[in-house]
Amino acid sequence: MSHTKVTRSMFDDVMVPNYSPGKMIPVRGLGSRVWDQEGREYIDLAGGIAVTGLGHAHPKLVEVLTDQAHRLWHLSNVLTNEPAIRLAQRLCDLTFAERVYFANSGGEANEAAFKLARRYSWEHYGPDKHEIISFRSSFHGRTLFTVSVGGQPKYLEGFEPAPAGIHHATYNDLASVEALISERTCAVVVEPIQGEGGVLPPAPGFLEGLRELCDRHNALLVFDEVQTGVGRTGHLYAYQKFGVTPDILTTAKALGNGFPVGAMLTRADIAASLGIGTHGSTYGGNPLACAVAEAVLDIVSDPAVLEGVESRRLRLVAGLEAINSRYEIFSEIRGGGLLLGGALTDQWKGKSKEFLSAGLEEGVMVLVAGPDVMRLAPSLIIPEEDIDEALKRFERAVARVVT
């Protein structure tokens, strides 16, 4: 094994320049703490963008992954495997779903969902029923199809022509959906809480209204729960929190706690449209990923873990509001569970990256959701003392930017 000294400058020499990572390189994590190459410690309120829902190096997940690594890594989908079947059964038991498709990421799970929605409508209603409605400022992945369904034109720039038949309504505006929906609509795609678009929760009646519109027009309702799923909102999936059941649901991110895995969940009658050979994934459903994801679900679905999300949310929000009373940087703190967004005031709009960078200098990892919103998505089991210490560090970061 090579022991080349790795530096941040090497990144720029060998990597495609589509990312701009921070100056420090993390080398170790435990729970909600991370250490860099110099041994400096950080408290993680970012959770790898809502991925490490059980923190870093969770002992049970390390044990399960190590055990599976000694058994079986990969077979291909010419054969199935025990962890995949167990995980699919668990997902069906815990949700509305009757059938599961495994992928490696949220983008892939969404790609499968959108393809299934079109194929189901093609089979049942004919080729004219192929249009998809999603929402401006939404995010669904980086494949050409998912970035086209996503409502952020900057991510599509230079990659057009985009797949046709995709329309964008305004989040939390049912009238804008009504103006677009028709008998040609095969699906409405929505994040129950808009993530990258600014951590926007649904207005009362919005998701219920989408369900009713889809039913009226024989369209499928697709919930992208890549970010809101696996306990993030204090419910296993956000649809359970809001009491609106979709026809198709996608999940990834926290499902593997950092091990790449994604899944699309649906009913049996809809799943039938993805017959043999219609879609696939080489690594999707591999034993390593599925063994880890099964252990994640076992832990997160524990009522004590889900209930603990709310107390941690209240502690974080109280701390942020206290900081805000002194520095007046947020116009609003919003979101659900441990997916929190601090919308910056007019004076600080466009400066979210400055707060993120100052946070790293002070030893706390936070996120942004666009230039105008700070985002927090820590571990669902982050200890209270880590929350308190992280808030102290974040306050120092805010002071650094503001004064």
Protein backbone atom coordinates (compact mmCIF):
# COMPACT_ATOMS: atom_id res chain seq x y z
CA MET A 1 0.00 0.00 0.00
CA SER A 2 1.41 3.38 -1.04
CA HIS A 3 2.17 5.88 1.74
CA THR A 4 2.34 9.01 -0.39
CA LYS A 5 1.82 12.11 1.74
CA VAL A 6 -1.60 13.41 0.66
CA THR A 7 -2.19 17.16 0.59
CA ARG A 8 -5.16 19.33 -0.36
CA SER A 9 -3.20 20.80 -3.28
CA MET A 10 -2.95 17.32 -4.83
CA PHE A 11 -6.74 17.37 -5.22
CA ASP A 12 -6.46 20.16 -7.79
CA ASP A 13 -3.78 18.24 -9.70
CA VAL A 14 -5.67 14.95 -10.06
CA MET A 15 -9.42 15.61 -9.71
CA VAL A 16 -11.92 16.97 -12.23
CA PRO A 17 -12.62 20.51 -10.93
CA ASN A 18 -16.37 20.06 -10.31
CA TYR A 19 -15.91 20.26 -6.52
CA SER A 20 -14.29 22.89 -4.33
CA PRO A 21 -13.61 21.11 -1.04
CA GLY A 22 -12.43 22.88 2.10
CA LYS A 23 -8.78 23.21 3.01
CA MET A 24 -8.66 20.48 5.66
CA ILE A 25 -8.81 16.75 4.92
CA PRO A 26 -10.70 14.63 7.48
CA VAL A 27 -9.06 11.28 8.26
CA ARG A 28 -11.11 9.85 11.14
CA GLY A 29 -14.57 10.13 12.64
CA LEU A 30 -16.23 8.78 15.77
CA GLY A 31 -19.80 9.58 16.70
CA SER A 32 -20.36 13.26 15.92
CA ARG A 33 -16.69 14.22 16.03
CA VAL A 34 -14.21 14.27 13.15
CA TRP A 35 -10.42 14.73 13.10
CA ASP A 36 -8.29 16.09 10.26
CA GLN A 37 -4.73 15.25 9.16
CA GLU A 38 -3.30 17.56 11.80
CA GLY A 39 -5.35 15.92 14.56
CA ARG A 40 -7.67 18.91 14.89
CA GLU A 41 -11.17 18.01 16.10
CA TYR A 42 -14.49 19.17 14.61
CA ILE A 43 -18.09 18.64 15.71
CA ASP A 44 -20.20 17.45 12.80
CA LEU A 45 -23.55 19.20 12.33
CA ALA A 46 -23.46 18.44 8.59
CA GLY A 47 -23.81 14.66 8.68
CA GLY A 48 -22.26 14.31 5.24
CA ILE A 49 -25.33 16.18 3.90
CA ALA A 50 -27.90 14.17 5.91
CA VAL A 51 -26.08 10.86 5.32
CA THR A 52 -24.37 9.85 8.58
CA GLY A 53 -27.62 9.70 10.56
CA LEU A 54 -25.97 7.44 13.13
CA GLY A 55 -22.68 9.31 13.22
CA HIS A 56 -19.24 8.07 12.21
CA ALA A 57 -17.93 4.54 12.80
CA HIS A 58 -21.04 3.36 14.64
CA PRO A 59 -19.87 0.13 16.31
CA LYS A 60 -22.86 -1.97 15.20
CA LEU A 61 -22.46 -0.86 11.57
CA VAL A 62 -18.71 -1.50 11.65
CA GLU A 63 -19.43 -4.99 13.00
CA VAL A 64 -22.06 -5.78 10.35
CA LEU A 65 -19.96 -4.44 7.47
CA THR A 66 -16.87 -6.33 8.63
CA ASP A 67 -18.83 -9.54 9.06
CA GLN A 68 -20.37 -9.27 5.57
CA ALA A 69 -16.98 -8.35 4.07
CA HIS A 70 -15.69 -11.75 5.19
CA ARG A 71 -18.64 -13.51 3.54
CA LEU A 72 -19.75 -12.12 0.18
CA TRP A 73 -19.32 -8.79 -1.63
CA HIS A 74 -20.83 -9.13 -5.07
CA LEU A 75 -22.69 -11.59 -7.27
CA SER A 76 -24.50 -9.60 -9.99
CA ASN A 77 -28.26 -9.65 -10.36
CA VAL A 78 -28.17 -13.00 -12.16
CA LEU A 79 -28.46 -14.23 -8.55
CA THR A 80 -30.00 -12.65 -5.47
CA ASN A 81 -28.60 -12.61 -1.94
CA GLU A 82 -29.86 -12.87 1.62
CA PRO A 83 -29.11 -9.30 2.82
CA ALA A 84 -30.99 -7.81 -0.17
CA ILE A 85 -34.09 -9.92 0.46
CA ARG A 86 -34.01 -9.20 4.19
CA LEU A 87 -33.63 -5.44 3.59
CA ALA A 88 -36.45 -5.37 1.04
CA GLN A 89 -38.72 -7.26 3.45
CA ARG A 90 -37.85 -4.82 6.23
CA LEU A 91 -38.62 -1.78 4.06
CA CYS A 92 -41.97 -3.29 3.07
CA ASP A 93 -42.80 -4.07 6.70
CA LEU A 94 -41.96 -0.53 7.83
CA THR A 95 -43.66 1.44 5.01
CA PHE A 96 -46.56 1.43 2.54
CA ALA A 97 -44.35 -0.39 0.02
CA GLU A 98 -44.93 -3.87 -1.40
CA ARG A 99 -41.95 -3.95 -3.79
CA VAL A 100 -38.40 -2.55 -3.66
CA TYR A 101 -35.74 -1.79 -6.29
CA PHE A 102 -32.13 -1.25 -5.11
CA ALA A 103 -29.63 1.22 -6.56
CA ASN A 104 -26.45 2.90 -5.31
CA SER A 105 -27.53 6.50 -4.79
CA GLY A 106 -30.42 8.91 -4.55
CA GLY A 107 -29.96 9.99 -8.14
CA GLU A 108 -30.20 6.39 -9.31
CA ALA A 109 -33.25 5.71 -7.13
CA ASN A 110 -34.93 8.78 -8.65
CA GLU A 111 -33.93 7.76 -12.18
CA ALA A 112 -35.65 4.43 -11.55
CA ALA A 113 -38.72 6.16 -10.09
CA PHE A 114 -39.14 8.50 -13.06
CA LYS A 115 -38.62 5.68 -15.56
CA LEU A 116 -41.15 3.53 -13.71
CA ALA A 117 -43.71 6.37 -13.66
CA ARG A 118 -43.42 6.79 -17.43
CA ARG A 119 -43.48 3.10 -18.18
CA TYR A 120 -46.48 2.44 -15.91
CA SER A 121 -48.45 5.19 -17.64
CA TRP A 122 -47.29 4.01 -21.08
CA GLU A 123 -48.53 0.50 -20.31
CA HIS A 124 -51.86 1.57 -18.80
CA TYR A 125 -52.78 4.75 -20.68
CA GLY A 126 -50.57 4.98 -23.77
CA PRO A 127 -47.57 7.05 -24.89
CA ASP A 128 -49.25 10.47 -24.60
CA LYS A 129 -49.37 10.22 -20.81
CA HIS A 130 -45.68 10.89 -20.17
CA GLU A 131 -45.40 14.40 -18.69
CA ILE A 132 -43.79 14.93 -15.29
CA ILE A 133 -44.47 17.88 -12.99
CA SER A 134 -41.90 18.84 -10.37
CA PHE A 135 -41.02 22.08 -8.58
CA ARG A 136 -38.73 25.03 -9.04
CA SER A 137 -35.73 24.94 -6.68
CA SER A 138 -36.12 21.17 -6.25
CA PHE A 139 -33.19 18.77 -6.47
CA HIS A 140 -33.44 15.13 -7.57
CA GLY A 141 -29.95 14.14 -8.72
CA ARG A 142 -27.34 14.73 -11.42
CA THR A 143 -28.20 12.28 -14.19
CA LEU A 144 -29.58 14.00 -17.27
CA PHE A 145 -33.13 12.83 -16.46
CA THR A 146 -33.00 13.70 -12.75
CA VAL A 147 -31.33 17.07 -13.29
CA SER A 148 -34.04 17.87 -15.84
CA VAL A 149 -36.79 16.99 -13.38
CA GLY A 150 -34.95 19.02 -10.75
CA GLY A 151 -35.96 22.67 -10.70
CA GLN A 152 -32.56 24.40 -10.75
CA PRO A 153 -31.61 25.49 -14.28
CA LYS A 154 -27.96 26.12 -13.32
CA TYR A 155 -27.42 22.35 -13.00
CA LEU A 156 -28.70 21.77 -16.54
CA GLU A 157 -26.69 24.53 -18.20
CA GLY A 158 -24.43 23.16 -20.94
CA PHE A 159 -26.00 19.68 -20.85
CA GLU A 160 -29.07 20.32 -22.99
CA PRO A 161 -31.13 19.25 -24.84
CA ALA A 162 -32.95 17.91 -21.81
CA PRO A 163 -35.54 15.11 -21.88
CA ALA A 164 -38.88 16.56 -22.95
CA GLY A 165 -42.23 16.56 -21.17
CA ILE A 166 -41.07 18.02 -17.84
CA HIS A 167 -42.80 21.02 -16.24
CA HIS A 168 -42.00 22.96 -13.08
CA ALA A 169 -44.57 24.36 -10.67
CA THR A 170 -43.99 26.49 -7.56
CA TYR A 171 -43.47 24.65 -4.27
CA ASN A 172 -46.31 25.22 -1.78
CA ASP A 173 -48.51 26.69 -4.56
CA LEU A 174 -51.25 24.20 -5.46
CA ALA A 175 -52.74 26.55 -8.05
CA SER A 176 -49.48 26.43 -10.02
CA VAL A 177 -49.76 22.62 -10.14
CA GLU A 178 -53.41 22.76 -11.17
CA ALA A 179 -52.47 25.02 -14.06
CA LEU A 180 -50.00 22.41 -15.38
CA ILE A 181 -51.60 19.05 -14.59
CA SER A 182 -53.62 17.28 -17.30
CA GLU A 183 -54.46 13.84 -18.61
CA ARG A 184 -50.96 13.84 -20.15
CA THR A 185 -49.37 13.97 -16.67
CA CYS A 186 -47.89 10.65 -15.57
CA ALA A 187 -46.36 11.83 -12.29
CA VAL A 188 -45.94 14.68 -9.82
CA VAL A 189 -42.54 14.55 -8.12
CA VAL A 190 -41.93 16.37 -4.83
CA GLU A 191 -39.60 16.50 -1.84
CA PRO A 192 -41.83 16.47 1.26
CA ILE A 193 -39.45 19.10 2.66
CA GLN A 194 -37.51 20.90 -0.05
CA GLY A 195 -33.85 20.37 0.82
CA GLU A 196 -31.32 22.01 -1.50
CA GLY A 197 -33.94 24.64 -2.34
CA GLY A 198 -33.69 26.13 1.15
CA VAL A 199 -35.08 23.59 3.68
CA LEU A 200 -38.71 24.55 2.98
CA PRO A 201 -41.42 22.58 4.80
CA PRO A 202 -44.79 21.98 3.11
CA ALA A 203 -47.61 24.42 3.79
CA PRO A 204 -50.69 22.91 5.47
CA GLY A 205 -52.75 21.08 2.86
CA PHE A 206 -50.09 21.22 0.13
CA LEU A 207 -49.12 17.53 0.08
CA GLU A 208 -52.76 16.50 0.58
CA GLY A 209 -53.66 18.69 -2.40
CA LEU A 210 -51.02 17.03 -4.57
CA ARG A 211 -52.39 13.61 -3.61
CA GLU A 212 -55.89 14.66 -4.58
CA LEU A 213 -54.77 16.18 -7.91
CA CYS A 214 -52.82 13.02 -8.79
CA ASP A 215 -55.82 10.83 -7.97
CA ARG A 216 -58.08 13.02 -10.09
CA HIS A 217 -55.77 12.85 -13.13
CA ASN A 218 -54.56 9.22 -12.81
CA ALA A 219 -51.03 10.44 -12.15
CA LEU A 220 -48.54 8.87 -9.74
CA LEU A 221 -47.35 10.84 -6.71
CA VAL A 222 -43.59 10.41 -6.23
CA PHE A 223 -41.95 11.45 -2.95
CA ASP A 224 -38.21 12.06 -3.14
CA GLU A 225 -37.22 11.19 0.43
CA VAL A 226 -33.51 10.91 -0.30
CA GLN A 227 -32.82 13.65 2.26
CA THR A 228 -35.92 13.45 4.51
CA GLY A 229 -35.95 9.67 4.90
CA VAL A 230 -34.54 7.24 7.48
CA GLY A 231 -35.50 9.14 10.62
CA ARG A 232 -34.43 12.64 9.63
CA THR A 233 -37.81 14.19 10.50
CA GLY A 234 -38.42 12.12 13.63
CA HIS A 235 -40.49 9.64 11.60
CA LEU A 236 -38.90 6.84 9.61
CA TYR A 237 -40.10 8.56 6.44
CA ALA A 238 -41.54 12.07 6.17
CA TYR A 239 -44.71 10.86 4.43
CA GLN A 240 -45.62 9.26 7.77
CA LYS A 241 -45.13 12.60 9.54
CA PHE A 242 -47.40 14.41 7.09
CA GLY A 243 -49.97 11.64 6.71
CA VAL A 244 -49.87 11.57 2.89
CA THR A 245 -48.92 8.30 1.18
CA PRO A 246 -47.16 8.46 -2.20
CA ASP A 247 -47.28 5.84 -4.96
CA ILE A 248 -43.49 5.75 -5.29
CA LEU A 249 -40.88 6.76 -2.70
CA THR A 250 -37.12 7.08 -3.11
CA THR A 251 -34.59 6.73 -0.30
CA ALA A 252 -30.78 6.83 -0.10
CA LYS A 253 -28.34 9.04 1.86
CA ALA A 254 -28.89 7.93 5.49
CA LEU A 255 -30.06 4.46 4.44
CA GLY A 256 -26.44 3.28 4.32
CA ASN A 257 -25.00 5.82 6.81
CA GLY A 258 -22.29 6.54 4.23
CA PHE A 259 -22.14 3.18 2.48
CA PRO A 260 -23.55 3.80 -1.02
CA VAL A 261 -27.10 2.46 -1.30
CA GLY A 262 -30.41 3.72 -2.62
CA ALA A 263 -33.87 2.23 -2.98
CA MET A 264 -37.13 2.88 -4.77
CA LEU A 265 -40.26 1.74 -2.94
CA THR A 266 -43.67 1.24 -4.56
CA ARG A 267 -46.83 -0.88 -4.67
CA ALA A 268 -46.94 -4.25 -6.41
CA ASP A 269 -49.36 -3.12 -9.15
CA ILE A 270 -47.05 -0.26 -10.17
CA ALA A 271 -43.85 -2.31 -9.79
CA ALA A 272 -45.19 -4.81 -12.35
CA SER A 273 -44.30 -2.31 -15.10
CA LEU A 274 -40.58 -2.82 -14.49
CA GLY A 275 -40.57 -6.35 -15.89
CA ILE A 276 -37.48 -8.45 -16.57
CA GLY A 277 -34.84 -6.51 -18.47
CA THR A 278 -36.54 -3.09 -18.30
CA HIS A 279 -34.11 -1.56 -15.79
CA GLY A 280 -31.07 -2.60 -13.78
CA SER A 281 -27.96 -1.77 -11.78
CA THR A 282 -24.72 -3.74 -11.58
CA TYR A 283 -24.06 -2.98 -7.91
CA GLY A 284 -27.64 -2.28 -6.85
CA GLY A 285 -28.66 -4.66 -4.04
CA ASN A 286 -25.12 -5.88 -3.36
CA PRO A 287 -24.70 -7.81 -0.09
CA LEU A 288 -22.35 -5.27 1.57
CA ALA A 289 -24.70 -2.32 1.09
CA CYS A 290 -27.82 -4.25 2.03
CA ALA A 291 -26.29 -5.71 5.20
CA VAL A 292 -25.32 -2.23 6.40
CA ALA A 293 -28.68 -0.70 5.44
CA GLU A 294 -30.57 -3.43 7.30
CA ALA A 295 -28.60 -2.64 10.46
CA VAL A 296 -29.25 1.10 9.96
CA LEU A 297 -33.00 0.49 9.70
CA ASP A 298 -32.98 -1.72 12.80
CA ILE A 299 -31.41 1.08 14.84
CA VAL A 300 -33.28 4.07 13.37
CA SER A 301 -36.71 2.43 13.51
CA ASP A 302 -36.37 2.07 17.29
CA PRO A 303 -39.03 4.43 18.75
CA ALA A 304 -36.50 5.78 21.27
CA VAL A 305 -34.20 6.92 18.44
CA LEU A 306 -37.06 8.53 16.50
CA GLU A 307 -38.41 10.26 19.62
CA GLY A 308 -34.92 11.55 20.44
CA VAL A 309 -34.87 13.53 17.18
CA GLU A 310 -37.42 16.05 18.51
CA SER A 311 -35.58 16.79 21.76
CA ARG A 312 -32.35 17.35 19.81
CA ARG A 313 -34.18 19.59 17.34
CA LEU A 314 -35.54 21.73 20.19
CA ARG A 315 -32.07 22.02 21.74
CA LEU A 316 -30.50 23.06 18.44
CA VAL A 317 -33.26 25.53 17.57
CA ALA A 318 -33.11 27.12 21.04
CA GLY A 319 -29.35 27.54 20.65
CA LEU A 320 -29.66 29.01 17.17
CA GLU A 321 -32.35 31.42 18.35
CA ALA A 322 -30.13 32.53 21.23
CA ILE A 323 -27.27 33.18 18.78
CA ASN A 324 -29.71 35.00 16.52
CA SER A 325 -30.92 37.25 19.34
CA ARG A 326 -27.34 38.51 19.64
CA TYR A 327 -26.28 38.67 15.98
CA GLU A 328 -29.53 38.92 13.97
CA ILE A 329 -28.39 36.87 10.99
CA PHE A 330 -31.50 34.70 10.52
CA SER A 331 -34.92 35.85 9.36
CA GLU A 332 -36.34 32.39 10.06
CA ILE A 333 -35.29 28.96 11.36
CA ARG A 334 -37.32 26.27 9.63
CA GLY A 335 -37.39 22.63 8.53
CA GLY A 336 -38.42 19.44 10.27
CA GLY A 337 -36.73 17.15 12.76
CA LEU A 338 -32.96 17.36 12.38
CA LEU A 339 -33.10 18.93 8.93
CA LEU A 340 -32.90 22.61 9.84
CA GLY A 341 -32.49 25.71 7.71
CA GLY A 342 -31.55 29.17 8.93
CA ALA A 343 -32.68 31.68 6.29
CA LEU A 344 -30.25 34.59 6.28
CA THR A 345 -31.53 38.15 6.63
CA ASP A 346 -31.27 40.56 3.67
CA GLN A 347 -28.02 41.96 5.10
CA TRP A 348 -26.36 38.51 5.00
CA LYS A 349 -27.99 37.01 1.90
CA GLY A 350 -25.46 35.41 -0.44
CA LYS A 351 -23.00 34.88 2.44
CA SER A 352 -23.89 31.34 3.59
CA LYS A 353 -20.49 29.97 2.44
CA GLU A 354 -18.72 32.53 4.64
CA PHE A 355 -20.46 31.16 7.73
CA LEU A 356 -19.63 27.58 6.65
CA SER A 357 -15.93 28.45 6.21
CA ALA A 358 -15.81 30.33 9.52
CA GLY A 359 -17.40 27.27 11.14
CA LEU A 360 -14.55 25.06 9.96
CA GLU A 361 -12.05 27.56 11.38
CA GLU A 362 -13.83 27.29 14.74
CA GLY A 363 -14.13 23.48 14.64
CA VAL A 364 -17.76 22.96 13.64
CA MET A 365 -19.03 21.49 10.37
CA VAL A 366 -22.25 23.02 8.99
CA LEU A 367 -23.94 23.09 5.57
CA VAL A 368 -25.57 25.54 3.20
CA ALA A 369 -28.76 25.17 1.16
CA GLY A 370 -27.97 27.71 -1.52
CA PRO A 371 -26.32 31.10 -0.92
CA ASP A 372 -29.01 32.39 1.46
CA VAL A 373 -29.63 29.50 3.88
CA MET A 374 -27.51 27.74 6.50
CA ARG A 375 -28.41 24.06 6.83
CA LEU A 376 -27.87 21.60 9.69
CA ALA A 377 -28.34 17.83 9.35
CA PRO A 378 -26.46 16.22 12.26
CA SER A 379 -26.55 12.66 13.50
CA LEU A 380 -29.95 11.61 14.86
CA ILE A 381 -28.17 10.39 18.00
CA ILE A 382 -25.75 13.31 18.50
CA PRO A 383 -25.08 13.65 22.25
CA GLU A 384 -26.47 16.76 23.97
CA GLU A 385 -22.98 17.86 25.04
CA ASP A 386 -21.88 17.79 21.37
CA ILE A 387 -24.86 19.98 20.42
CA ASP A 388 -23.98 22.48 23.15
CA GLU A 389 -20.30 22.60 22.22
CA ALA A 390 -21.12 22.85 18.50
CA LEU A 391 -23.41 25.83 19.20
CA LYS A 392 -20.61 27.59 21.12
CA ARG A 393 -18.26 27.06 18.19
CA PHE A 394 -20.89 28.17 15.68
CA GLU A 395 -21.47 31.36 17.69
CA ARG A 396 -17.76 32.11 17.50
CA ALA A 397 -17.94 31.51 13.73
CA VAL A 398 -20.89 33.90 13.41
CA ALA A 399 -19.02 36.55 15.42
CA ARG A 400 -16.01 36.09 13.14
CA VAL A 401 -18.14 36.85 10.05
CA VAL A 402 -20.35 39.57 11.52
CA THR A 403 -17.79 41.64 13.46
